[in-house]
Amino acid sequence: MAGALVELRGKGLVYGPPKARASLRTNALPEAIRPVIVEHLTK
């Protein structure tokens, strides 16, 4: 995922790209939780 929640006046919280490339992060997730994430994303 590459995004951020931004609060826009009159629209509330909106998911969109981060404001700066420096805001992008890579996070390692344990292989044991991969099936749970895949199942969640297919719903």
C-alpha atoms as a PDB file:
ATOM      1  CA  MET A   1       0.000   0.000   0.000  1.00  0.00           C
ATOM      2  CA  ALA A   2       1.222   3.440  -0.782  1.00  0.00           C
ATOM      3  CA  GLY A   3      -1.095   6.055   0.554  1.00  0.00           C
ATOM      4  CA  ALA A   4      -2.152   8.324   3.340  1.00  0.00           C
ATOM      5  CA  LEU A   5      -5.322   9.589   4.956  1.00  0.00           C
ATOM      6  CA  VAL A   6      -5.702  13.318   4.404  1.00  0.00           C
ATOM      7  CA  GLU A   7      -8.438  15.448   5.949  1.00  0.00           C
ATOM      8  CA  LEU A   8     -10.099  17.632   3.311  1.00  0.00           C
ATOM      9  CA  ARG A   9     -12.466  20.423   4.269  1.00  0.00           C
ATOM     10  CA  GLY A  10     -16.023  19.380   3.465  1.00  0.00           C
ATOM     11  CA  LYS A  11     -14.996  15.817   2.555  1.00  0.00           C
ATOM     12  CA  GLY A  12     -13.558  14.401   5.773  1.00  0.00           C
ATOM     13  CA  LEU A  13     -10.795  11.802   5.610  1.00  0.00           C
ATOM     14  CA  VAL A  14      -9.796  10.836   2.077  1.00  0.00           C
ATOM     15  CA  TYR A  15      -7.295   8.127   1.123  1.00  0.00           C
ATOM     16  CA  GLY A  16      -4.758   9.239  -1.463  1.00  0.00           C
ATOM     17  CA  PRO A  17      -1.082   9.317  -2.312  1.00  0.00           C
ATOM     18  CA  PRO A  18       1.368  10.720   0.245  1.00  0.00           C
ATOM     19  CA  LYS A  19       2.353  14.348  -0.183  1.00  0.00           C
ATOM     20  CA  ALA A  20       6.071  13.593  -0.611  1.00  0.00           C
ATOM     21  CA  ARG A  21       8.112  10.671  -1.911  1.00  0.00           C
ATOM     22  CA  ALA A  22      10.039  10.803   1.376  1.00  0.00           C
ATOM     23  CA  SER A  23       6.847   9.642   3.099  1.00  0.00           C
ATOM     24  CA  LEU A  24       6.929   6.254   1.347  1.00  0.00           C
ATOM     25  CA  ARG A  25       8.023   3.376   3.576  1.00  0.00           C
ATOM     26  CA  THR A  26       8.667  -0.318   3.041  1.00  0.00           C
ATOM     27  CA  ASN A  27       7.538  -2.588   5.859  1.00  0.00           C
ATOM     28  CA  ALA A  28       8.413  -6.261   6.174  1.00  0.00           C
ATOM     29  CA  LEU A  29       5.532  -8.493   7.284  1.00  0.00           C
ATOM     30  CA  PRO A  30       5.977 -11.971   8.721  1.00  0.00           C
ATOM     31  CA  GLU A  31       5.207 -14.718   6.182  1.00  0.00           C
ATOM     32  CA  ALA A  32       2.893 -16.313   8.774  1.00  0.00           C
ATOM     33  CA  ILE A  33       0.316 -13.513   8.405  1.00  0.00           C
ATOM     34  CA  ARG A  34       0.359 -13.434   4.599  1.00  0.00           C
ATOM     35  CA  PRO A  35      -2.674 -15.757   4.210  1.00  0.00           C
ATOM     36  CA  VAL A  36      -4.732 -13.568   6.545  1.00  0.00           C
ATOM     37  CA  ILE A  37      -3.878 -10.426   4.589  1.00  0.00           C
ATOM     38  CA  VAL A  38      -4.576 -12.074   1.220  1.00  0.00           C
ATOM     39  CA  GLU A  39      -7.955 -13.312   2.479  1.00  0.00           C
ATOM     40  CA  HIS A  40      -8.829  -9.856   3.800  1.00  0.00           C
ATOM     41  CA  LEU A  41      -7.891  -8.113   0.545  1.00  0.00           C
ATOM     42  CA  THR A  42      -9.976 -10.511  -1.576  1.00  0.00           C
ATOM     43  CA  LYS A  43     -13.170  -9.649   0.319  1.00  0.00           C
END
